[in-house]
Amino acid sequence: MEFKALRIPALTQDVATNLETLFSNLSGIERYTIMLDTQELDIVFDENQLSFRALVQQMTEAGCPLQGIDAALLL
């Protein structure tokens, strides 16, 4: 499954660092891209290992809550 988030005002350098640490240690993340200049995030994950709900909860704890994302797609 793929989650694309666009226009993330909370995506600062500190939050990006937190997310990188999270994604590199979280089981089920297959790949991710964090683009600070455009405030975008692209995450591909295996939903058999990681539910979307659990992913969102972990992202919130890292400083990137779903409610703070202006536009998002779940593919």
PDB file of N, CA and C in Angstrom:
ATOM      1  N   MET A   1       0.843  -1.160   0.000  1.00  0.00           N
ATOM      2  CA  MET A   1       0.000   0.000   0.000  1.00  0.00           C
ATOM      3  C   MET A   1       0.898   1.236   0.000  1.00  0.00           C
ATOM      4  N   GLU A   2       0.393   2.304  -0.579  1.00  0.00           N
ATOM      5  CA  GLU A   2       1.176   3.536  -0.654  1.00  0.00           C
ATOM      6  C   GLU A   2       0.387   4.691  -0.060  1.00  0.00           C
ATOM      7  N   PHE A   3       1.065   5.507   0.728  1.00  0.00           N
ATOM      8  CA  PHE A   3       0.475   6.702   1.327  1.00  0.00           C
ATOM      9  C   PHE A   3       1.265   7.896   0.852  1.00  0.00           C
ATOM     10  N   LYS A   4       0.584   8.825   0.184  1.00  0.00           N
ATOM     11  CA  LYS A   4       1.217  10.056  -0.296  1.00  0.00           C
ATOM     12  C   LYS A   4       0.582  11.219   0.448  1.00  0.00           C
ATOM     13  N   ALA A   5       1.408  12.024   1.071  1.00  0.00           N
ATOM     14  CA  ALA A   5       0.934  13.197   1.790  1.00  0.00           C
ATOM     15  C   ALA A   5       1.528  14.437   1.134  1.00  0.00           C
ATOM     16  N   LEU A   6       0.675  15.401   0.856  1.00  0.00           N
ATOM     17  CA  LEU A   6       1.074  16.640   0.190  1.00  0.00           C
ATOM     18  C   LEU A   6       0.794  17.821   1.103  1.00  0.00           C
ATOM     19  N   ARG A   7       1.615  18.827   1.009  1.00  0.00           N
ATOM     20  CA  ARG A   7       1.444  20.052   1.795  1.00  0.00           C
ATOM     21  C   ARG A   7       1.301  19.749   3.287  1.00  0.00           C
ATOM     22  N   ILE A   8       2.428  19.403   3.887  1.00  0.00           N
ATOM     23  CA  ILE A   8       2.476  19.072   5.311  1.00  0.00           C
ATOM     24  C   ILE A   8       3.180  20.219   6.039  1.00  0.00           C
ATOM     25  N   PRO A   9       2.437  21.182   6.584  1.00  0.00           N
ATOM     26  CA  PRO A   9       3.060  22.311   7.268  1.00  0.00           C
ATOM     27  C   PRO A   9       3.963  21.902   8.436  1.00  0.00           C
ATOM     28  N   ALA A  10       3.671  20.782   9.086  1.00  0.00           N
ATOM     29  CA  ALA A  10       4.463  20.332  10.243  1.00  0.00           C
ATOM     30  C   ALA A  10       5.789  19.690   9.835  1.00  0.00           C
ATOM     31  N   LEU A  11       6.038  19.515   8.541  1.00  0.00           N
ATOM     32  CA  LEU A  11       7.234  18.811   8.079  1.00  0.00           C
ATOM     33  C   LEU A  11       8.456  19.735   8.099  1.00  0.00           C
ATOM     34  N   THR A  12       9.048  19.836   9.260  1.00  0.00           N
ATOM     35  CA  THR A  12      10.273  20.607   9.452  1.00  0.00           C
ATOM     36  C   THR A  12      11.467  19.641   9.404  1.00  0.00           C
ATOM     37  N   GLN A  13      12.660  20.181   9.493  1.00  0.00           N
ATOM     38  CA  GLN A  13      13.858  19.329   9.514  1.00  0.00           C
ATOM     39  C   GLN A  13      13.825  18.381  10.707  1.00  0.00           C
ATOM     40  N   ASP A  14      13.413  18.877  11.873  1.00  0.00           N
ATOM     41  CA  ASP A  14      13.349  18.029  13.071  1.00  0.00           C
ATOM     42  C   ASP A  14      12.336  16.900  12.908  1.00  0.00           C
ATOM     43  N   VAL A  15      11.167  17.211  12.365  1.00  0.00           N
ATOM     44  CA  VAL A  15      10.138  16.188  12.153  1.00  0.00           C
ATOM     45  C   VAL A  15      10.619  15.187  11.106  1.00  0.00           C
ATOM     46  N   ALA A  16      11.266  15.660  10.060  1.00  0.00           N
ATOM     47  CA  ALA A  16      11.795  14.764   9.025  1.00  0.00           C
ATOM     48  C   ALA A  16      12.819  13.797   9.622  1.00  0.00           C
ATOM     49  N   THR A  17      13.662  14.294  10.511  1.00  0.00           N
ATOM     50  CA  THR A  17      14.639  13.438  11.183  1.00  0.00           C
ATOM     51  C   THR A  17      13.931  12.383  12.028  1.00  0.00           C
ATOM     52  N   ASN A  18      12.889  12.796  12.757  1.00  0.00           N
ATOM     53  CA  ASN A  18      12.110  11.847  13.555  1.00  0.00           C
ATOM     54  C   ASN A  18      11.462  10.786  12.671  1.00  0.00           C
ATOM     55  N   LEU A  19      10.910  11.217  11.536  1.00  0.00           N
ATOM     56  CA  LEU A  19      10.258  10.273  10.623  1.00  0.00           C
ATOM     57  C   LEU A  19      11.266   9.306  10.016  1.00  0.00           C
ATOM     58  N   GLU A  20      12.434   9.801   9.632  1.00  0.00           N
ATOM     59  CA  GLU A  20      13.471   8.922   9.070  1.00  0.00           C
ATOM     60  C   GLU A  20      13.863   7.845  10.074  1.00  0.00           C
ATOM     61  N   THR A  21      14.035   8.229  11.317  1.00  0.00           N
ATOM     62  CA  THR A  21      14.366   7.262  12.368  1.00  0.00           C
ATOM     63  C   THR A  21      13.237   6.245  12.523  1.00  0.00           C
ATOM     64  N   LEU A  22      12.013   6.746  12.555  1.00  0.00           N
ATOM     65  CA  LEU A  22      10.847   5.875  12.693  1.00  0.00           C
ATOM     66  C   LEU A  22      10.764   4.892  11.536  1.00  0.00           C
ATOM     67  N   PHE A  23      10.801   5.393  10.307  1.00  0.00           N
ATOM     68  CA  PHE A  23      10.624   4.541   9.134  1.00  0.00           C
ATOM     69  C   PHE A  23      11.740   3.522   8.968  1.00  0.00           C
ATOM     70  N   SER A  24      12.935   3.878   9.361  1.00  0.00           N
ATOM     71  CA  SER A  24      14.049   2.927   9.217  1.00  0.00           C
ATOM     72  C   SER A  24      13.980   1.811  10.259  1.00  0.00           C
ATOM     73  N   ASN A  25      13.221   2.023  11.327  1.00  0.00           N
ATOM     74  CA  ASN A  25      13.110   1.015  12.383  1.00  0.00           C
ATOM     75  C   ASN A  25      11.747   0.328  12.452  1.00  0.00           C
ATOM     76  N   LEU A  26      10.784   0.784  11.666  1.00  0.00           N
ATOM     77  CA  LEU A  26       9.422   0.272  11.733  1.00  0.00           C
ATOM     78  C   LEU A  26       9.241  -0.883  10.754  1.00  0.00           C
ATOM     79  N   SER A  27       8.850  -2.027  11.281  1.00  0.00           N
ATOM     80  CA  SER A  27       8.616  -3.201  10.451  1.00  0.00           C
ATOM     81  C   SER A  27       7.439  -2.956   9.509  1.00  0.00           C
ATOM     82  N   GLY A  28       7.619  -3.284   8.250  1.00  0.00           N
ATOM     83  CA  GLY A  28       6.554  -3.135   7.264  1.00  0.00           C
ATOM     84  C   GLY A  28       6.777  -1.984   6.300  1.00  0.00           C
ATOM     85  N   ILE A  29       7.689  -1.067   6.620  1.00  0.00           N
ATOM     86  CA  ILE A  29       7.997   0.033   5.701  1.00  0.00           C
ATOM     87  C   ILE A  29       8.910  -0.504   4.613  1.00  0.00           C
ATOM     88  N   GLU A  30       8.460  -0.423   3.367  1.00  0.00           N
ATOM     89  CA  GLU A  30       9.256  -0.925   2.245  1.00  0.00           C
ATOM     90  C   GLU A  30      10.151   0.158   1.660  1.00  0.00           C
ATOM     91  N   ARG A  31       9.618   1.366   1.549  1.00  0.00           N
ATOM     92  CA  ARG A  31      10.426   2.504   1.112  1.00  0.00           C
ATOM     93  C   ARG A  31       9.679   3.788   1.452  1.00  0.00           C
ATOM     94  N   TYR A  32      10.432   4.865   1.524  1.00  0.00           N
ATOM     95  CA  TYR A  32       9.831   6.161   1.813  1.00  0.00           C
ATOM     96  C   TYR A  32      10.676   7.269   1.213  1.00  0.00           C
ATOM     97  N   THR A  33      10.025   8.396   0.960  1.00  0.00           N
ATOM     98  CA  THR A  33      10.699   9.586   0.474  1.00  0.00           C
ATOM     99  C   THR A  33      10.133  10.775   1.236  1.00  0.00           C
ATOM    100  N   ILE A  34      11.015  11.587   1.773  1.00  0.00           N
ATOM    101  CA  ILE A  34      10.630  12.804   2.474  1.00  0.00           C
ATOM    102  C   ILE A  34      11.197  13.981   1.694  1.00  0.00           C
ATOM    103  N   MET A  35      10.324  14.890   1.251  1.00  0.00           N
ATOM    104  CA  MET A  35      10.749  16.050   0.470  1.00  0.00           C
ATOM    105  C   MET A  35      10.429  17.322   1.254  1.00  0.00           C
ATOM    106  N   LEU A  36      11.446  17.850   1.935  1.00  0.00           N
ATOM    107  CA  LEU A  36      11.253  19.044   2.756  1.00  0.00           C
ATOM    108  C   LEU A  36      10.876  20.272   1.931  1.00  0.00           C
ATOM    109  N   ASP A  37      11.506  20.443   0.772  1.00  0.00           N
ATOM    110  CA  ASP A  37      11.279  21.650  -0.017  1.00  0.00           C
ATOM    111  C   ASP A  37       9.836  21.781  -0.501  1.00  0.00           C
ATOM    112  N   THR A  38       9.166  20.659  -0.763  1.00  0.00           N
ATOM    113  CA  THR A  38       7.774  20.700  -1.216  1.00  0.00           C
ATOM    114  C   THR A  38       6.797  20.222  -0.138  1.00  0.00           C
ATOM    115  N   GLN A  39       7.320  19.896   1.034  1.00  0.00           N
ATOM    116  CA  GLN A  39       6.526  19.412   2.169  1.00  0.00           C
ATOM    117  C   GLN A  39       5.672  18.204   1.776  1.00  0.00           C
ATOM    118  N   GLU A  40       6.336  17.205   1.186  1.00  0.00           N
ATOM    119  CA  GLU A  40       5.653  15.990   0.752  1.00  0.00           C
ATOM    120  C   GLU A  40       6.287  14.764   1.378  1.00  0.00           C
ATOM    121  N   LEU A  41       5.494  13.714   1.471  1.00  0.00           N
ATOM    122  CA  LEU A  41       5.919  12.461   2.064  1.00  0.00           C
ATOM    123  C   LEU A  41       5.304  11.333   1.256  1.00  0.00           C
ATOM    124  N   ASP A  42       6.092  10.350   0.903  1.00  0.00           N
ATOM    125  CA  ASP A  42       5.613   9.188   0.159  1.00  0.00           C
ATOM    126  C   ASP A  42       6.102   7.947   0.891  1.00  0.00           C
ATOM    127  N   ILE A  43       5.173   7.085   1.297  1.00  0.00           N
ATOM    128  CA  ILE A  43       5.516   5.891   2.066  1.00  0.00           C
ATOM    129  C   ILE A  43       4.879   4.682   1.410  1.00  0.00           C
ATOM    130  N   VAL A  44       5.671   3.664   1.141  1.00  0.00           N
ATOM    131  CA  VAL A  44       5.154   2.383   0.671  1.00  0.00           C
ATOM    132  C   VAL A  44       5.348   1.406   1.815  1.00  0.00           C
ATOM    133  N   PHE A  45       4.249   0.742   2.198  1.00  0.00           N
ATOM    134  CA  PHE A  45       4.315  -0.175   3.329  1.00  0.00           C
ATOM    135  C   PHE A  45       3.503  -1.430   3.061  1.00  0.00           C
ATOM    136  N   ASP A  46       3.859  -2.486   3.759  1.00  0.00           N
ATOM    137  CA  ASP A  46       3.171  -3.765   3.652  1.00  0.00           C
ATOM    138  C   ASP A  46       2.077  -3.796   4.712  1.00  0.00           C
ATOM    139  N   GLU A  47       0.823  -3.733   4.264  1.00  0.00           N
ATOM    140  CA  GLU A  47      -0.268  -3.658   5.228  1.00  0.00           C
ATOM    141  C   GLU A  47      -0.495  -4.971   5.979  1.00  0.00           C
ATOM    142  N   ASN A  48       0.163  -6.036   5.563  1.00  0.00           N
ATOM    143  CA  ASN A  48       0.113  -7.289   6.330  1.00  0.00           C
ATOM    144  C   ASN A  48       1.006  -7.203   7.565  1.00  0.00           C
ATOM    145  N   GLN A  49       1.984  -6.316   7.531  1.00  0.00           N
ATOM    146  CA  GLN A  49       2.889  -6.126   8.665  1.00  0.00           C
ATOM    147  C   GLN A  49       2.581  -4.868   9.467  1.00  0.00           C
ATOM    148  N   LEU A  50       1.976  -3.884   8.800  1.00  0.00           N
ATOM    149  CA  LEU A  50       1.750  -2.582   9.423  1.00  0.00           C
ATOM    150  C   LEU A  50       0.431  -2.012   8.919  1.00  0.00           C
ATOM    151  N   SER A  51      -0.513  -1.819   9.812  1.00  0.00           N
ATOM    152  CA  SER A  51      -1.798  -1.246   9.405  1.00  0.00           C
ATOM    153  C   SER A  51      -1.643   0.261   9.197  1.00  0.00           C
ATOM    154  N   PHE A  52      -2.531   0.820   8.403  1.00  0.00           N
ATOM    155  CA  PHE A  52      -2.510   2.253   8.180  1.00  0.00           C
ATOM    156  C   PHE A  52      -2.739   2.995   9.497  1.00  0.00           C
ATOM    157  N   ARG A  53      -3.625   2.486  10.308  1.00  0.00           N
ATOM    158  CA  ARG A  53      -3.913   3.102  11.610  1.00  0.00           C
ATOM    159  C   ARG A  53      -2.657   3.155  12.481  1.00  0.00           C
ATOM    160  N   ALA A  54      -1.900   2.058  12.505  1.00  0.00           N
ATOM    161  CA  ALA A  54      -0.665   2.022  13.294  1.00  0.00           C
ATOM    162  C   ALA A  54       0.376   2.976  12.714  1.00  0.00           C
ATOM    163  N   LEU A  55       0.460   3.053  11.399  1.00  0.00           N
ATOM    164  CA  LEU A  55       1.391   3.974  10.749  1.00  0.00           C
ATOM    165  C   LEU A  55       1.067   5.421  11.135  1.00  0.00           C
ATOM    166  N   VAL A  56      -0.204   5.776  11.054  1.00  0.00           N
ATOM    167  CA  VAL A  56      -0.628   7.142  11.386  1.00  0.00           C
ATOM    168  C   VAL A  56      -0.337   7.453  12.853  1.00  0.00           C
ATOM    169  N   GLN A  57      -0.564   6.498  13.723  1.00  0.00           N
ATOM    170  CA  GLN A  57      -0.285   6.705  15.146  1.00  0.00           C
ATOM    171  C   GLN A  57       1.205   6.958  15.372  1.00  0.00           C
ATOM    172  N   GLN A  58       2.049   6.181  14.717  1.00  0.00           N
ATOM    173  CA  GLN A  58       3.498   6.359  14.855  1.00  0.00           C
ATOM    174  C   GLN A  58       3.945   7.704  14.271  1.00  0.00           C
ATOM    175  N   MET A  59       3.354   8.096  13.146  1.00  0.00           N
ATOM    176  CA  MET A  59       3.691   9.387  12.536  1.00  0.00           C
ATOM    177  C   MET A  59       3.294  10.536  13.463  1.00  0.00           C
ATOM    178  N   THR A  60       2.152  10.406  14.128  1.00  0.00           N
ATOM    179  CA  THR A  60       1.698  11.430  15.068  1.00  0.00           C
ATOM    180  C   THR A  60       2.694  11.579  16.204  1.00  0.00           C
ATOM    181  N   GLU A  61       3.165  10.463  16.729  1.00  0.00           N
ATOM    182  CA  GLU A  61       4.148  10.491  17.813  1.00  0.00           C
ATOM    183  C   GLU A  61       5.471  11.110  17.364  1.00  0.00           C
ATOM    184  N   ALA A  62       5.759  11.020  16.059  1.00  0.00           N
ATOM    185  CA  ALA A  62       6.991  11.601  15.517  1.00  0.00           C
ATOM    186  C   ALA A  62       6.832  13.085  15.180  1.00  0.00           C
ATOM    187  N   GLY A  63       5.620  13.631  15.378  1.00  0.00           N
ATOM    188  CA  GLY A  63       5.401  15.054  15.133  1.00  0.00           C
ATOM    189  C   GLY A  63       4.706  15.387  13.833  1.00  0.00           C
ATOM    190  N   CYS A  64       4.150  14.370  13.161  1.00  0.00           N
ATOM    191  CA  CYS A  64       3.489  14.576  11.878  1.00  0.00           C
ATOM    192  C   CYS A  64       2.082  13.978  11.920  1.00  0.00           C
ATOM    193  N   PRO A  65       1.139  14.651  12.594  1.00  0.00           N
ATOM    194  CA  PRO A  65      -0.212  14.116  12.708  1.00  0.00           C
ATOM    195  C   PRO A  65      -0.977  14.191  11.387  1.00  0.00           C
ATOM    196  N   LEU A  66      -1.836  13.226  11.153  1.00  0.00           N
ATOM    197  CA  LEU A  66      -2.648  13.168   9.938  1.00  0.00           C
ATOM    198  C   LEU A  66      -3.518  14.417   9.817  1.00  0.00           C
ATOM    199  N   GLN A  67      -4.017  14.918  10.930  1.00  0.00           N
ATOM    200  CA  GLN A  67      -4.874  16.112  10.905  1.00  0.00           C
ATOM    201  C   GLN A  67      -4.141  17.344  10.384  1.00  0.00           C
ATOM    202  N   GLY A  68      -2.823  17.334  10.431  1.00  0.00           N
ATOM    203  CA  GLY A  68      -2.039  18.476   9.966  1.00  0.00           C
ATOM    204  C   GLY A  68      -1.644  18.392   8.510  1.00  0.00           C
ATOM    205  N   ILE A  69      -2.121  17.381   7.809  1.00  0.00           N
ATOM    206  CA  ILE A  69      -1.776  17.196   6.403  1.00  0.00           C
ATOM    207  C   ILE A  69      -2.913  17.753   5.539  1.00  0.00           C
ATOM    208  N   ASP A  70      -2.596  18.685   4.663  1.00  0.00           N
ATOM    209  CA  ASP A  70      -3.617  19.332   3.847  1.00  0.00           C
ATOM    210  C   ASP A  70      -4.221  18.430   2.771  1.00  0.00           C
ATOM    211  N   ALA A  71      -3.415  17.559   2.191  1.00  0.00           N
ATOM    212  CA  ALA A  71      -3.903  16.662   1.140  1.00  0.00           C
ATOM    213  C   ALA A  71      -3.145  15.343   1.220  1.00  0.00           C
ATOM    214  N   ALA A  72      -3.877  14.238   1.068  1.00  0.00           N
ATOM    215  CA  ALA A  72      -3.242  12.920   1.153  1.00  0.00           C
ATOM    216  C   ALA A  72      -3.985  11.916   0.283  1.00  0.00           C
ATOM    217  N   LEU A  73      -3.246  10.913  -0.181  1.00  0.00           N
ATOM    218  CA  LEU A  73      -3.805   9.817  -0.972  1.00  0.00           C
ATOM    219  C   LEU A  73      -3.351   8.496  -0.386  1.00  0.00           C
ATOM    220  N   LEU A  74      -4.253   7.541  -0.351  1.00  0.00           N
ATOM    221  CA  LEU A  74      -3.913   6.190   0.066  1.00  0.00           C
ATOM    222  C   LEU A  74      -4.200   5.297  -1.134  1.00  0.00           C
ATOM    223  N   LEU A  75      -3.141   4.728  -1.698  1.00  0.00           N
ATOM    224  CA  LEU A  75      -3.267   3.932  -2.930  1.00  0.00           C
ATOM    225  C   LEU A  75      -3.032   2.466  -2.653  1.00  0.00           C
TER     226      LEU A  75
END
